[in-house]
Amino acid sequence: MRYFFTARLWTALGILLGASVLVLGLLIVVNGGSSTGSSGSRVIDVVAAVTTTEFGEGWQVSSGKSVGDATLALDDGRTMRIVDGTPGEVTCETPTIPYSCIFVADTLGSGVLWFALVPADSSNGKEILTLPALVDMLQGGDLGVLSNGWVVPLATPTVRNCDAETTSLRDFINKFPEGNAISLLNLYQDQISEVVCTGP
């Protein structure tokens, strides 16, 4: 019994506990924290057109969470399962029609942390998804922050389409904030490939 109370044992236990807390904190920041960052941002790592859907009886999104389970087949070959209580939003009105909705999600492995079902573009719906303006860049320009809080990969280079001259993507973001630009996400590349100014 005297060995249990030695200083060396308590020190070892303290180090193990501290390491566990550190690892847990890092997991929260890297994985869960990415989904609901301090600014409410969501790191998007799955974007694809929905080809088929299987909704459980009474499936819906209520108060920002799914009610019931759903399974979505995507055009990139993946199958995503949305379990009851998953945070999300649905703005696509015809989710059972193939290619009419785009599935956007923040995931951890095969699990969906947050999702959105948004309408596909009326033209080029299988190729392009029109998104809000870029308002910032992260990780040296590898990621872009949209005005709706989504964090998405940026193509290198990202084409700037505007009559007004801009010297860089950062310059474009500064000149054309929310409401004055749109971002075009290439569904084959899963990246913002082009930004277009829409206002002065």
N, C-alpha and C. Protein backbone atom coordinates (compact mmCIF):
# COMPACT_ATOMS: atom_id res chain seq x y z
N MET A 1 0.83 -1.19 0.00
CA MET A 1 0.00 0.00 0.00
C MET A 1 0.87 1.25 0.00
N ARG A 2 2.05 1.20 0.59
CA ARG A 2 2.89 2.39 0.67
C ARG A 2 3.36 2.84 -0.71
N TYR A 3 3.41 1.86 -1.69
CA TYR A 3 3.87 2.23 -3.02
C TYR A 3 2.85 3.13 -3.74
N PHE A 4 1.57 3.01 -3.40
CA PHE A 4 0.54 3.78 -4.08
C PHE A 4 0.68 5.27 -3.81
N PHE A 5 1.22 5.62 -2.67
CA PHE A 5 1.27 7.03 -2.29
C PHE A 5 2.64 7.66 -2.52
N THR A 6 3.49 7.02 -3.28
CA THR A 6 4.80 7.60 -3.54
C THR A 6 4.68 8.81 -4.46
N ALA A 7 5.60 9.74 -4.29
CA ALA A 7 5.60 10.94 -5.11
C ALA A 7 5.81 10.61 -6.59
N ARG A 8 6.63 9.60 -6.85
CA ARG A 8 6.91 9.23 -8.24
C ARG A 8 5.64 8.75 -8.95
N LEU A 9 4.80 7.96 -8.26
CA LEU A 9 3.56 7.47 -8.85
C LEU A 9 2.59 8.61 -9.11
N TRP A 10 2.45 9.50 -8.15
CA TRP A 10 1.54 10.63 -8.34
C TRP A 10 2.03 11.53 -9.48
N THR A 11 3.32 11.70 -9.61
CA THR A 11 3.87 12.49 -10.71
C THR A 11 3.54 11.85 -12.06
N ALA A 12 3.72 10.52 -12.12
CA ALA A 12 3.42 9.81 -13.36
C ALA A 12 1.94 9.92 -13.72
N LEU A 13 1.08 9.77 -12.72
CA LEU A 13 -0.36 9.90 -12.96
C LEU A 13 -0.72 11.31 -13.42
N GLY A 14 -0.06 12.30 -12.83
CA GLY A 14 -0.32 13.69 -13.23
C GLY A 14 0.09 13.95 -14.67
N ILE A 15 1.22 13.38 -15.07
CA ILE A 15 1.69 13.55 -16.45
C ILE A 15 0.71 12.88 -17.43
N LEU A 16 0.25 11.69 -17.09
CA LEU A 16 -0.72 10.99 -17.95
C LEU A 16 -2.02 11.78 -18.07
N LEU A 17 -2.51 12.30 -16.95
CA LEU A 17 -3.74 13.08 -16.97
C LEU A 17 -3.57 14.35 -17.81
N GLY A 18 -2.43 15.03 -17.63
CA GLY A 18 -2.17 16.23 -18.41
C GLY A 18 -2.09 15.95 -19.89
N ALA A 19 -1.44 14.84 -20.26
CA ALA A 19 -1.33 14.46 -21.67
C ALA A 19 -2.70 14.13 -22.25
N SER A 20 -3.54 13.48 -21.47
CA SER A 20 -4.89 13.14 -21.94
C SER A 20 -5.71 14.39 -22.20
N VAL A 21 -5.64 15.34 -21.28
CA VAL A 21 -6.36 16.61 -21.46
C VAL A 21 -5.86 17.35 -22.69
N LEU A 22 -4.54 17.35 -22.91
CA LEU A 22 -3.96 18.03 -24.07
C LEU A 22 -4.43 17.39 -25.37
N VAL A 23 -4.41 16.05 -25.43
CA VAL A 23 -4.85 15.34 -26.64
C VAL A 23 -6.33 15.61 -26.90
N LEU A 24 -7.16 15.55 -25.87
CA LEU A 24 -8.58 15.83 -26.01
C LEU A 24 -8.81 17.24 -26.52
N GLY A 25 -8.07 18.19 -25.96
CA GLY A 25 -8.20 19.58 -26.42
C GLY A 25 -7.83 19.75 -27.88
N LEU A 26 -6.75 19.08 -28.30
CA LEU A 26 -6.34 19.16 -29.70
C LEU A 26 -7.38 18.55 -30.61
N LEU A 27 -7.98 17.41 -30.21
CA LEU A 27 -9.01 16.79 -31.03
C LEU A 27 -10.22 17.70 -31.18
N ILE A 28 -10.59 18.38 -30.11
CA ILE A 28 -11.73 19.30 -30.17
C ILE A 28 -11.44 20.45 -31.12
N VAL A 29 -10.23 21.00 -31.02
CA VAL A 29 -9.88 22.13 -31.87
C VAL A 29 -9.80 21.72 -33.33
N VAL A 30 -9.12 20.58 -33.60
CA VAL A 30 -8.89 20.18 -34.98
C VAL A 30 -10.14 19.63 -35.64
N ASN A 31 -10.93 18.85 -34.90
CA ASN A 31 -12.08 18.20 -35.51
C ASN A 31 -13.39 18.90 -35.17
N GLY A 32 -13.84 18.72 -33.95
CA GLY A 32 -15.11 19.32 -33.58
C GLY A 32 -15.08 20.81 -33.63
N GLY A 33 -13.98 21.41 -33.22
CA GLY A 33 -13.89 22.86 -33.20
C GLY A 33 -13.95 23.46 -34.57
N SER A 34 -13.52 22.71 -35.59
CA SER A 34 -13.57 23.25 -36.94
C SER A 34 -15.00 23.44 -37.39
N SER A 35 -15.91 22.66 -36.83
CA SER A 35 -17.28 22.74 -37.26
C SER A 35 -18.01 23.92 -36.66
N THR A 36 -17.64 24.33 -35.49
CA THR A 36 -18.27 25.48 -34.87
C THR A 36 -17.19 26.33 -34.23
N GLY A 37 -16.44 27.00 -35.05
CA GLY A 37 -15.36 27.84 -34.57
C GLY A 37 -15.89 29.04 -33.84
N SER A 38 -14.98 29.87 -33.35
CA SER A 38 -15.38 31.02 -32.56
C SER A 38 -16.23 31.99 -33.35
N SER A 39 -16.07 32.02 -34.66
CA SER A 39 -16.87 32.92 -35.49
C SER A 39 -18.07 32.20 -36.08
N GLY A 40 -18.33 30.95 -35.67
CA GLY A 40 -19.44 30.19 -36.21
C GLY A 40 -19.13 29.58 -37.56
N SER A 41 -17.86 29.49 -37.95
CA SER A 41 -17.50 28.96 -39.26
C SER A 41 -17.63 27.45 -39.29
N ARG A 42 -17.77 26.92 -40.49
CA ARG A 42 -17.87 25.48 -40.70
C ARG A 42 -16.89 25.09 -41.78
N VAL A 43 -16.01 24.14 -41.47
CA VAL A 43 -15.02 23.68 -42.43
C VAL A 43 -15.67 22.63 -43.31
N ILE A 44 -15.83 22.95 -44.59
CA ILE A 44 -16.52 22.08 -45.52
C ILE A 44 -15.52 21.14 -46.18
N ASP A 45 -15.73 19.81 -45.99
CA ASP A 45 -14.82 18.86 -46.62
C ASP A 45 -15.53 17.86 -47.54
N VAL A 46 -16.86 17.97 -47.66
CA VAL A 46 -17.61 17.17 -48.63
C VAL A 46 -18.56 18.08 -49.37
N VAL A 47 -18.45 18.09 -50.71
CA VAL A 47 -19.39 18.82 -51.56
C VAL A 47 -19.64 17.94 -52.78
N ALA A 48 -20.88 17.55 -53.00
CA ALA A 48 -21.19 16.68 -54.14
C ALA A 48 -22.69 16.71 -54.43
N ALA A 49 -23.03 16.43 -55.68
CA ALA A 49 -24.43 16.34 -56.07
C ALA A 49 -25.05 15.07 -55.51
N VAL A 50 -26.32 15.16 -55.14
CA VAL A 50 -27.05 14.02 -54.59
C VAL A 50 -27.75 13.29 -55.72
N THR A 51 -27.48 11.98 -55.83
CA THR A 51 -28.11 11.20 -56.91
C THR A 51 -29.34 10.45 -56.43
N THR A 52 -29.28 9.87 -55.25
CA THR A 52 -30.46 9.19 -54.69
C THR A 52 -30.54 9.45 -53.19
N THR A 53 -31.74 9.40 -52.67
CA THR A 53 -31.96 9.65 -51.24
C THR A 53 -32.85 8.56 -50.65
N GLU A 54 -32.59 8.24 -49.39
CA GLU A 54 -33.46 7.35 -48.63
C GLU A 54 -33.74 8.03 -47.29
N PHE A 55 -34.95 8.54 -47.15
CA PHE A 55 -35.33 9.23 -45.94
C PHE A 55 -36.19 8.33 -45.07
N GLY A 56 -35.87 8.30 -43.78
CA GLY A 56 -36.73 7.57 -42.85
C GLY A 56 -38.08 8.26 -42.74
N GLU A 57 -39.05 7.55 -42.23
CA GLU A 57 -40.40 8.09 -42.12
C GLU A 57 -40.41 9.36 -41.28
N GLY A 58 -40.97 10.42 -41.82
CA GLY A 58 -41.07 11.69 -41.12
C GLY A 58 -39.79 12.48 -41.06
N TRP A 59 -38.78 12.09 -41.87
CA TRP A 59 -37.50 12.81 -41.81
C TRP A 59 -37.67 14.28 -42.16
N GLN A 60 -37.01 15.13 -41.38
CA GLN A 60 -37.04 16.57 -41.61
C GLN A 60 -35.90 17.21 -40.82
N VAL A 61 -35.71 18.49 -41.07
CA VAL A 61 -34.79 19.28 -40.25
C VAL A 61 -35.65 20.26 -39.47
N SER A 62 -35.58 20.16 -38.16
CA SER A 62 -36.37 21.00 -37.28
C SER A 62 -35.47 21.64 -36.24
N SER A 63 -35.58 22.95 -36.08
CA SER A 63 -34.76 23.70 -35.12
C SER A 63 -33.28 23.46 -35.34
N GLY A 64 -32.90 23.32 -36.62
CA GLY A 64 -31.49 23.19 -36.96
C GLY A 64 -30.91 21.81 -36.78
N LYS A 65 -31.76 20.78 -36.55
CA LYS A 65 -31.26 19.41 -36.41
C LYS A 65 -32.17 18.44 -37.16
N SER A 66 -31.55 17.35 -37.65
CA SER A 66 -32.33 16.36 -38.38
C SER A 66 -33.19 15.55 -37.40
N VAL A 67 -34.36 15.19 -37.88
CA VAL A 67 -35.27 14.33 -37.12
C VAL A 67 -35.39 13.03 -37.92
N GLY A 68 -34.88 11.95 -37.37
CA GLY A 68 -34.84 10.68 -38.09
C GLY A 68 -33.53 10.53 -38.84
N ASP A 69 -33.39 9.41 -39.53
CA ASP A 69 -32.17 9.09 -40.27
C ASP A 69 -32.39 9.25 -41.77
N ALA A 70 -31.30 9.51 -42.49
CA ALA A 70 -31.35 9.61 -43.94
C ALA A 70 -30.04 9.08 -44.52
N THR A 71 -30.13 8.53 -45.73
CA THR A 71 -28.95 8.06 -46.44
C THR A 71 -28.93 8.69 -47.82
N LEU A 72 -27.81 9.32 -48.17
CA LEU A 72 -27.68 10.02 -49.45
C LEU A 72 -26.56 9.39 -50.25
N ALA A 73 -26.85 9.07 -51.52
CA ALA A 73 -25.82 8.62 -52.44
C ALA A 73 -25.36 9.82 -53.25
N LEU A 74 -24.05 10.03 -53.33
CA LEU A 74 -23.49 11.18 -54.00
C LEU A 74 -22.89 10.79 -55.35
N ASP A 75 -22.76 11.76 -56.24
CA ASP A 75 -22.29 11.45 -57.59
C ASP A 75 -20.81 11.10 -57.63
N ASP A 76 -20.09 11.30 -56.53
CA ASP A 76 -18.67 10.90 -56.49
C ASP A 76 -18.50 9.48 -55.95
N GLY A 77 -19.61 8.78 -55.76
CA GLY A 77 -19.55 7.39 -55.32
C GLY A 77 -19.69 7.19 -53.83
N ARG A 78 -19.65 8.25 -53.06
CA ARG A 78 -19.76 8.12 -51.61
C ARG A 78 -21.23 8.00 -51.18
N THR A 79 -21.44 7.36 -50.06
CA THR A 79 -22.75 7.28 -49.43
C THR A 79 -22.63 7.91 -48.05
N MET A 80 -23.45 8.90 -47.79
CA MET A 80 -23.40 9.62 -46.52
C MET A 80 -24.67 9.33 -45.71
N ARG A 81 -24.47 9.00 -44.45
CA ARG A 81 -25.61 8.73 -43.55
C ARG A 81 -25.75 9.88 -42.57
N ILE A 82 -26.96 10.41 -42.51
CA ILE A 82 -27.28 11.47 -41.56
C ILE A 82 -28.12 10.85 -40.45
N VAL A 83 -27.59 10.85 -39.25
CA VAL A 83 -28.31 10.23 -38.14
C VAL A 83 -29.18 11.25 -37.43
N ASP A 84 -30.13 10.75 -36.71
CA ASP A 84 -31.05 11.60 -35.97
C ASP A 84 -30.30 12.57 -35.06
N GLY A 85 -30.67 13.84 -35.12
CA GLY A 85 -30.06 14.85 -34.27
C GLY A 85 -28.85 15.54 -34.86
N THR A 86 -28.49 15.24 -36.12
CA THR A 86 -27.35 15.89 -36.74
C THR A 86 -27.68 17.34 -37.08
N PRO A 87 -26.85 18.31 -36.67
CA PRO A 87 -27.10 19.70 -37.04
C PRO A 87 -27.05 19.87 -38.56
N GLY A 88 -27.96 20.69 -39.08
CA GLY A 88 -27.98 20.90 -40.53
C GLY A 88 -29.04 21.87 -40.96
N GLU A 89 -29.09 22.06 -42.27
CA GLU A 89 -30.10 22.94 -42.87
C GLU A 89 -30.44 22.43 -44.26
N VAL A 90 -31.66 22.65 -44.68
CA VAL A 90 -32.11 22.22 -46.00
C VAL A 90 -32.80 23.40 -46.68
N THR A 91 -32.25 23.81 -47.81
CA THR A 91 -32.88 24.85 -48.62
C THR A 91 -33.27 24.33 -49.99
N CYS A 92 -32.90 23.08 -50.30
CA CYS A 92 -33.29 22.44 -51.56
C CYS A 92 -34.69 21.87 -51.39
N GLU A 93 -35.59 22.24 -52.30
CA GLU A 93 -36.98 21.84 -52.15
C GLU A 93 -37.30 20.50 -52.81
N THR A 94 -36.38 19.96 -53.62
CA THR A 94 -36.66 18.71 -54.34
C THR A 94 -35.54 17.69 -54.12
N PRO A 95 -35.30 17.28 -52.87
CA PRO A 95 -34.16 16.41 -52.59
C PRO A 95 -34.26 15.01 -53.19
N THR A 96 -35.47 14.58 -53.59
CA THR A 96 -35.62 13.24 -54.15
C THR A 96 -35.35 13.21 -55.66
N ILE A 97 -35.18 14.35 -56.29
CA ILE A 97 -34.89 14.40 -57.73
C ILE A 97 -33.37 14.38 -57.92
N PRO A 98 -32.84 13.40 -58.66
CA PRO A 98 -31.38 13.31 -58.84
C PRO A 98 -30.78 14.60 -59.37
N TYR A 99 -29.67 14.99 -58.80
CA TYR A 99 -28.85 16.14 -59.19
C TYR A 99 -29.53 17.50 -58.95
N SER A 100 -30.65 17.50 -58.24
CA SER A 100 -31.29 18.79 -57.96
C SER A 100 -30.76 19.43 -56.68
N CYS A 101 -30.07 18.64 -55.85
CA CYS A 101 -29.52 19.15 -54.60
C CYS A 101 -28.03 18.87 -54.52
N ILE A 102 -27.33 19.75 -53.83
CA ILE A 102 -25.92 19.57 -53.53
C ILE A 102 -25.79 19.34 -52.03
N PHE A 103 -25.06 18.29 -51.69
CA PHE A 103 -24.80 17.97 -50.28
C PHE A 103 -23.49 18.62 -49.88
N VAL A 104 -23.53 19.42 -48.82
CA VAL A 104 -22.37 20.12 -48.29
C VAL A 104 -22.22 19.71 -46.83
N ALA A 105 -21.02 19.31 -46.42
CA ALA A 105 -20.91 18.79 -45.05
C ALA A 105 -19.54 19.02 -44.45
N ASP A 106 -19.55 19.10 -43.14
CA ASP A 106 -18.36 19.06 -42.30
C ASP A 106 -18.37 17.67 -41.67
N THR A 107 -17.34 16.87 -41.94
CA THR A 107 -17.35 15.49 -41.49
C THR A 107 -16.14 15.17 -40.62
N LEU A 108 -16.24 14.06 -39.93
CA LEU A 108 -15.13 13.49 -39.17
C LEU A 108 -15.12 12.01 -39.50
N GLY A 109 -14.18 11.58 -40.36
CA GLY A 109 -14.21 10.22 -40.86
C GLY A 109 -15.45 10.03 -41.71
N SER A 110 -16.23 9.01 -41.40
CA SER A 110 -17.48 8.78 -42.13
C SER A 110 -18.67 9.44 -41.46
N GLY A 111 -18.44 10.09 -40.32
CA GLY A 111 -19.53 10.73 -39.59
C GLY A 111 -19.76 12.16 -40.04
N VAL A 112 -21.02 12.53 -40.14
CA VAL A 112 -21.41 13.88 -40.53
C VAL A 112 -21.61 14.73 -39.28
N LEU A 113 -20.78 15.77 -39.12
CA LEU A 113 -20.90 16.67 -37.97
C LEU A 113 -21.95 17.75 -38.21
N TRP A 114 -22.04 18.19 -39.46
CA TRP A 114 -22.99 19.23 -39.87
C TRP A 114 -23.20 19.09 -41.37
N PHE A 115 -24.39 19.41 -41.86
CA PHE A 115 -24.65 19.28 -43.29
C PHE A 115 -25.61 20.35 -43.77
N ALA A 116 -25.61 20.53 -45.08
CA ALA A 116 -26.62 21.38 -45.73
C ALA A 116 -26.98 20.72 -47.05
N LEU A 117 -28.25 20.79 -47.40
CA LEU A 117 -28.73 20.40 -48.72
C LEU A 117 -29.18 21.68 -49.41
N VAL A 118 -28.42 22.08 -50.43
CA VAL A 118 -28.70 23.35 -51.11
C VAL A 118 -29.08 23.06 -52.55
N PRO A 119 -29.84 23.96 -53.19
CA PRO A 119 -30.23 23.72 -54.59
C PRO A 119 -29.02 23.75 -55.52
N ALA A 120 -29.02 22.84 -56.49
CA ALA A 120 -28.01 22.89 -57.54
C ALA A 120 -28.30 24.09 -58.43
N ASP A 121 -27.25 24.62 -59.06
CA ASP A 121 -27.45 25.73 -59.99
C ASP A 121 -28.36 25.29 -61.13
N SER A 122 -29.19 26.21 -61.58
CA SER A 122 -30.14 25.88 -62.65
C SER A 122 -29.41 25.54 -63.95
N SER A 123 -28.25 26.16 -64.17
CA SER A 123 -27.42 25.81 -65.32
C SER A 123 -26.08 25.31 -64.79
N ASN A 124 -25.53 24.29 -65.41
CA ASN A 124 -24.27 23.69 -64.97
C ASN A 124 -24.36 23.15 -63.55
N GLY A 125 -25.51 22.62 -63.18
CA GLY A 125 -25.71 22.14 -61.81
C GLY A 125 -24.82 20.99 -61.42
N LYS A 126 -24.32 20.23 -62.42
CA LYS A 126 -23.44 19.11 -62.11
C LYS A 126 -21.98 19.55 -62.03
N GLU A 127 -21.70 20.77 -62.44
CA GLU A 127 -20.32 21.22 -62.51
C GLU A 127 -19.99 22.35 -61.52
N ILE A 128 -20.94 23.26 -61.34
CA ILE A 128 -20.67 24.49 -60.58
C ILE A 128 -21.72 24.69 -59.50
N LEU A 129 -21.28 25.13 -58.33
CA LEU A 129 -22.19 25.57 -57.28
C LEU A 129 -21.87 27.01 -56.96
N THR A 130 -22.86 27.89 -57.10
CA THR A 130 -22.66 29.31 -56.82
C THR A 130 -22.82 29.55 -55.32
N LEU A 131 -21.81 30.19 -54.74
CA LEU A 131 -21.77 30.45 -53.30
C LEU A 131 -21.57 31.94 -53.03
N PRO A 132 -21.74 32.36 -51.79
CA PRO A 132 -21.56 33.78 -51.46
C PRO A 132 -20.12 34.25 -51.64
N ALA A 133 -19.91 35.52 -51.39
CA ALA A 133 -18.60 36.15 -51.58
C ALA A 133 -17.56 35.63 -50.59
N LEU A 134 -16.31 35.63 -51.05
CA LEU A 134 -15.19 35.39 -50.15
C LEU A 134 -14.98 36.62 -49.28
N VAL A 135 -14.74 36.40 -48.00
CA VAL A 135 -14.47 37.52 -47.10
C VAL A 135 -13.11 37.42 -46.43
N ASP A 136 -12.45 36.25 -46.56
CA ASP A 136 -11.13 36.09 -45.96
C ASP A 136 -10.47 34.85 -46.54
N MET A 137 -9.17 34.71 -46.26
CA MET A 137 -8.42 33.52 -46.64
C MET A 137 -7.65 33.00 -45.43
N LEU A 138 -7.43 31.69 -45.40
CA LEU A 138 -6.70 31.04 -44.32
C LEU A 138 -5.62 30.14 -44.91
N GLN A 139 -4.68 29.74 -44.06
CA GLN A 139 -3.63 28.79 -44.41
C GLN A 139 -2.90 29.19 -45.70
N GLY A 140 -2.49 30.44 -45.75
CA GLY A 140 -1.71 30.91 -46.88
C GLY A 140 -2.47 30.94 -48.19
N GLY A 141 -3.78 31.04 -48.13
CA GLY A 141 -4.58 31.09 -49.35
C GLY A 141 -5.09 29.74 -49.80
N ASP A 142 -4.87 28.68 -49.02
CA ASP A 142 -5.39 27.36 -49.39
C ASP A 142 -6.88 27.24 -49.10
N LEU A 143 -7.36 28.00 -48.12
CA LEU A 143 -8.77 27.97 -47.74
C LEU A 143 -9.38 29.36 -47.84
N GLY A 144 -10.63 29.41 -48.24
CA GLY A 144 -11.35 30.67 -48.30
C GLY A 144 -12.51 30.66 -47.33
N VAL A 145 -12.78 31.81 -46.72
CA VAL A 145 -13.92 31.95 -45.80
C VAL A 145 -15.01 32.71 -46.54
N LEU A 146 -16.18 32.11 -46.65
CA LEU A 146 -17.31 32.75 -47.31
C LEU A 146 -18.10 33.60 -46.33
N SER A 147 -18.93 34.49 -46.86
CA SER A 147 -19.69 35.38 -45.99
C SER A 147 -20.71 34.64 -45.14
N ASN A 148 -21.07 33.41 -45.53
CA ASN A 148 -21.99 32.62 -44.71
C ASN A 148 -21.28 31.79 -43.65
N GLY A 149 -19.93 31.94 -43.55
CA GLY A 149 -19.17 31.24 -42.53
C GLY A 149 -18.56 29.93 -42.98
N TRP A 150 -18.87 29.48 -44.19
CA TRP A 150 -18.28 28.24 -44.67
C TRP A 150 -16.81 28.46 -45.01
N VAL A 151 -15.99 27.49 -44.67
CA VAL A 151 -14.56 27.51 -45.01
C VAL A 151 -14.34 26.41 -46.06
N VAL A 152 -13.89 26.82 -47.25
CA VAL A 152 -13.79 25.89 -48.38
C VAL A 152 -12.41 26.00 -49.03
N PRO A 153 -11.95 24.92 -49.69
CA PRO A 153 -10.66 24.98 -50.38
C PRO A 153 -10.70 25.95 -51.57
N LEU A 154 -9.55 26.58 -51.82
CA LEU A 154 -9.41 27.48 -52.96
C LEU A 154 -8.49 26.85 -54.00
N ALA A 155 -8.86 26.98 -55.27
CA ALA A 155 -8.00 26.51 -56.35
C ALA A 155 -6.79 27.42 -56.46
N THR A 156 -5.70 26.85 -57.01
CA THR A 156 -4.49 27.64 -57.25
C THR A 156 -4.18 27.62 -58.74
N PRO A 157 -4.36 28.75 -59.45
CA PRO A 157 -4.90 30.01 -58.92
C PRO A 157 -6.42 30.01 -58.94
N THR A 158 -7.01 30.93 -58.19
CA THR A 158 -8.45 31.18 -58.25
C THR A 158 -8.67 32.32 -59.23
N VAL A 159 -9.44 32.06 -60.28
CA VAL A 159 -9.65 33.06 -61.33
C VAL A 159 -10.48 34.21 -60.79
N ARG A 160 -10.04 35.43 -61.08
CA ARG A 160 -10.78 36.64 -60.69
C ARG A 160 -11.45 37.20 -61.94
N ASN A 161 -12.78 37.23 -61.94
CA ASN A 161 -13.54 37.64 -63.12
C ASN A 161 -14.27 38.94 -62.82
N CYS A 162 -13.73 40.03 -63.33
CA CYS A 162 -14.31 41.34 -63.06
C CYS A 162 -13.73 42.36 -64.02
N ASP A 163 -14.54 43.35 -64.41
CA ASP A 163 -14.03 44.42 -65.27
C ASP A 163 -13.03 45.29 -64.52
N ALA A 164 -13.27 45.46 -63.22
CA ALA A 164 -12.34 46.25 -62.42
C ALA A 164 -11.06 45.46 -62.19
N GLU A 165 -9.95 46.13 -62.25
CA GLU A 165 -8.65 45.46 -62.10
C GLU A 165 -8.37 45.15 -60.63
N THR A 166 -7.89 43.95 -60.39
CA THR A 166 -7.44 43.56 -59.06
C THR A 166 -6.07 42.90 -59.19
N THR A 167 -5.23 43.12 -58.21
CA THR A 167 -3.85 42.62 -58.29
C THR A 167 -3.68 41.23 -57.70
N SER A 168 -4.62 40.80 -56.87
CA SER A 168 -4.52 39.49 -56.20
C SER A 168 -5.90 39.12 -55.68
N LEU A 169 -6.02 37.88 -55.21
CA LEU A 169 -7.29 37.45 -54.63
C LEU A 169 -7.59 38.25 -53.37
N ARG A 170 -6.57 38.56 -52.59
CA ARG A 170 -6.77 39.38 -51.40
C ARG A 170 -7.30 40.76 -51.78
N ASP A 171 -6.75 41.33 -52.84
CA ASP A 171 -7.21 42.63 -53.32
C ASP A 171 -8.67 42.53 -53.77
N PHE A 172 -9.03 41.44 -54.44
CA PHE A 172 -10.41 41.22 -54.87
C PHE A 172 -11.34 41.16 -53.66
N ILE A 173 -10.95 40.42 -52.63
CA ILE A 173 -11.77 40.30 -51.42
C ILE A 173 -11.98 41.67 -50.78
N ASN A 174 -10.93 42.47 -50.74
CA ASN A 174 -11.03 43.79 -50.13
C ASN A 174 -11.93 44.73 -50.94
N LYS A 175 -11.87 44.61 -52.26
CA LYS A 175 -12.64 45.51 -53.12
C LYS A 175 -14.09 45.10 -53.27
N PHE A 176 -14.36 43.78 -53.17
CA PHE A 176 -15.71 43.28 -53.42
C PHE A 176 -16.17 42.42 -52.25
N PRO A 177 -16.62 43.06 -51.19
CA PRO A 177 -17.06 42.32 -49.99
C PRO A 177 -18.43 41.69 -50.21
N GLU A 178 -18.99 41.21 -49.13
CA GLU A 178 -20.30 40.55 -49.17
C GLU A 178 -21.33 41.40 -49.90
N GLY A 179 -22.05 40.78 -50.81
CA GLY A 179 -23.08 41.47 -51.58
C GLY A 179 -22.59 42.00 -52.91
N ASN A 180 -21.29 42.05 -53.10
CA ASN A 180 -20.74 42.58 -54.35
C ASN A 180 -19.96 41.54 -55.14
N ALA A 181 -20.05 40.27 -54.74
CA ALA A 181 -19.34 39.21 -55.45
C ALA A 181 -19.97 37.86 -55.16
N ILE A 182 -19.68 36.90 -56.02
CA ILE A 182 -20.07 35.52 -55.80
C ILE A 182 -18.83 34.63 -55.98
N SER A 183 -18.91 33.43 -55.45
CA SER A 183 -17.83 32.46 -55.58
C SER A 183 -18.37 31.23 -56.29
N LEU A 184 -17.60 30.70 -57.23
CA LEU A 184 -18.03 29.53 -58.00
C LEU A 184 -17.20 28.33 -57.59
N LEU A 185 -17.87 27.33 -57.03
CA LEU A 185 -17.18 26.12 -56.59
C LEU A 185 -17.30 25.06 -57.68
N ASN A 186 -16.16 24.57 -58.14
CA ASN A 186 -16.11 23.52 -59.15
C ASN A 186 -16.38 22.18 -58.47
N LEU A 187 -17.47 21.52 -58.84
CA LEU A 187 -17.87 20.28 -58.17
C LEU A 187 -17.00 19.10 -58.57
N TYR A 188 -16.23 19.23 -59.63
CA TYR A 188 -15.28 18.17 -59.99
C TYR A 188 -14.00 18.28 -59.17
N GLN A 189 -13.64 19.51 -58.82
CA GLN A 189 -12.41 19.75 -58.07
C GLN A 189 -12.65 19.95 -56.58
N ASP A 190 -13.91 20.20 -56.18
CA ASP A 190 -14.26 20.51 -54.79
C ASP A 190 -13.49 21.72 -54.28
N GLN A 191 -13.34 22.73 -55.15
CA GLN A 191 -12.62 23.95 -54.80
C GLN A 191 -13.33 25.16 -55.41
N ILE A 192 -13.14 26.32 -54.75
CA ILE A 192 -13.55 27.57 -55.38
C ILE A 192 -12.57 27.83 -56.53
N SER A 193 -13.08 27.79 -57.74
CA SER A 193 -12.21 27.96 -58.91
C SER A 193 -12.26 29.37 -59.47
N GLU A 194 -13.32 30.11 -59.12
CA GLU A 194 -13.49 31.45 -59.72
C GLU A 194 -14.30 32.34 -58.78
N VAL A 195 -13.95 33.60 -58.75
CA VAL A 195 -14.75 34.61 -58.05
C VAL A 195 -15.17 35.65 -59.07
N VAL A 196 -16.41 36.15 -58.93
CA VAL A 196 -16.97 37.08 -59.91
C VAL A 196 -17.54 38.28 -59.17
N CYS A 197 -17.18 39.47 -59.58
CA CYS A 197 -17.75 40.66 -58.96
C CYS A 197 -19.14 40.90 -59.55
N THR A 198 -20.06 41.33 -58.70
CA THR A 198 -21.43 41.57 -59.13
C THR A 198 -21.89 42.99 -58.84
N GLY A 199 -21.03 43.78 -58.23
CA GLY A 199 -21.39 45.15 -57.89
C GLY A 199 -20.17 46.03 -57.86
N PRO A 200 -20.36 47.32 -57.60
CA PRO A 200 -19.25 48.26 -57.61
C PRO A 200 -18.27 48.04 -56.47
